[in-house]
């Protein structure tokens, strides 16, 4: 007995000390603050990618013949082309002004440094550089204050949007303006950020806004265009825009298409692939056409495919022993992939801690604190760059190969103009200043193609400084990308490995290849992309022979980094509390079924519902969809004959009665504030329920109060005084789903009929009228209640979705998850074998945190 008691005590202690997630503690009725855990927020609204095939939709479909359908498809292709061209022009705009401001800054500061070297006034040169950088960063940071969503790269938000989560303000025109203008000042301001990530966000905004022909920010932009008025069509255009943004940034249309497929769109189809690729091609060649014509005055030559191009990797004509890479080099590439994965995991870990610190100590304070933080980062970065270039750089001899290696670089880069000779003689250059006092793209070209060596000390210092400052910078309140800083950081590491192998071990290698593999390894370790990143890098190098080493390196880097944490974009998605759905669930989650994770507390409406009840429901709940049900009184006895599912449903109903009673009391309080006297007096005679300790006593009191009906949802089937306990739990036959936006639209447009009339007298809205206000449907609080007759009845059957996807209560979680994610659902009703709805599943019921908590609760119950 003593042994048993000790075992029990030991089990209890272990159970008490067991770590549980906050979601699990909430389910178990316990509370505890957990600093490291951020649960998915429930205030994010899901997008509705499922097509609502109701009567109004079918009426619109009947009026569309084959000719109109083809015209509809032609319009869609024209819009895809227009999106691609627009993104190319945006890329041209950003690139032109970044080059203009950067050249102005470096020319002024460079001349000042050369003059002050002899006069001893380098402090003045530092002040000039600080003035340029901090002014540019101030403008970029103020633009983010105007629209906070414009901060960062925007890739986590676009990934969330394409996963089915509506992030407020993410695709608005104001966000686009702040993003585009802000990123060019952020890059020109010398921060370790890139413009490629914001290009993806900008492309997604163009894809979302251009087919709508209207703007919420600028009210005057308002054209009547009744097509593509759904989240489903908008998602397709956003996918195309994001892919075109990648294509314009890297000159990689195929890589952009794969990026949208791998990192963005959760729901894909074959027809969308062709449109996305066409949009990416349009963006790439539009940008290429104008950049080639402007820079070289050779219109139609197509020599500059993207904002970032790695140049041509090839050996010199006279060196027959040279090779880009060999099989022996693959072993070093694998090791570099491991190192890149470790460094990427470290980068993500540090950045995650910085982001949490900002969320707790910077963001809650006044907005000006965010601007001051951006200026502090700019000041520190500028001082570090200047001091490191002046004091830590080494003077390297300017070899003939360096001055004549213009063919290896991109056509638009002049090697002599990128060499910095600060404090060095005419026949030598400062290797640290050459990397720091050039645009990031030029520095990448230097590491990839310049034959002249950078000292190992310089490369090591450059890597450490760039690693730390880029990690600190990503997350400040400026538009910022992470691709180019990661590439530059990894390229310096790869060039360092090449110097060691070539100088110390005497190996015959091509340094540019190792710089490229190092860039791929570090970038892969940070973002954890595989397929799309491989193709992007291949297209950027224009060298298909690099396919195998790049792919192996990225795979190894991803596997290594995944041992420690997630990719940087997934980390920031989790920090924002976005309920993102992964590709699939874990195997052990199949121990749960739909009945384990569903929400059994239903707020429903009847096919014919009074206005007063609809207003009450809409004003006192936050749900975005409501099951449309009827109460089956005739077949009640058959439903009660030992059916396990029905008995489970009775249990669910008993659990939900208390919740519904609380909702009723809240609705009554809300009704009393209505201008209509009938609505105010609806609940005057109801007696509040005295709370008791026994839940069954509360339930029995509610059942005995037969003279107090539940809000009269259905005019002919309100609760009766002679109903028994079983009748109170009568099964709800499921008929369909109707959205909150649809109900509000019906109320605002006065779609209802009188109690003494037939439902055929109710006005009928067309599909175009129902979707006219998309994407900003009116709110229930915008409704003028004084104009409504609360006794009028709304027939919801023509507007509800009569055939939504449903699952059985016994369906395993993996099947539920795959159906929900693959079909892009917003709500998934759980219907038993006799057609009765017993619960509903939303996105929050399928998040990893919620499923894990339910699984642990399942184990505890067992």
Foldseek 3Di string as FASTA:
>chain_A
DVVVVVVVVVVVVCVVPDDADQLLCVVVVHHDDDLVAFAFDPVWAFFFQFDQDFQLNVVVVVVADPVNVVVVVVVVLVLLLVLLLVLLVLQVVLLVLLVVLLVVLLVVLQVVLVVCVVVVPVVVSLVSLLVLLLVLLLLQLVLCVVPVCLAELLLLVQQLVLLGTDDPPQQAPSSLVSNSSQVSSNLSSQALFDNLSNSLSNLLSSLQPVLQQQHPVDHVRDDDDLPPLGSNSSSLSSLLRNLLSNCQAQVFLVLSLVCSVPRHHLADDDVSSVSSSSSNVSNQVSNQQVVCCVLPVPGPPRQDRHNFFQFADDDDPVDPVADADDPVCLVVLLVLLLVLLVLQLVLLVLLLVLLSCCVVPPVVDDSVSLSVLSSVLSSVSSVCLSCCQQPVWDWFFQDPCQQPQCNRARVSDHSVVLFAARVHDPRTGTLSCSQSSDRLSVNSNCLQGGPTAGDLSSLVVVLVVLSVSLSNNRNRSGYGHDLSSLLNSQLSVQLSVVCCCCPVVVDNHRSNSSSRSSSLSNVLSAAVDADSSLSSSCSSNVPCVCSVSSRSSSVSSNVSNVVRHHHNSVSVSSVVSSLRFDSFDDPVLLVAFLLLLFQQQADAFELKFFQLVLLLVQVQDDDFKHFHWDFDPPCLVVLPPPDPVSVVLLVSVLVNPVVLVVSQVVSLVVQCPAPDPCSNCVCPPPDDDDDDDDSVVSVVVVQQVQVNWRPCRDVPDTRHNPDDPSSVSGFIFTFFMATPLQSLLCVQVVQWAAPPDDNVPGDDDRPSSSSVPPPDRDGSVVHRRVPDDRRTIHRCNSPGSRDDAEAERGHGLRVVSCVCSHSVRAKYFHAHPVRTTRGIDGSSSNRPSNSVSSVVVVVVVD
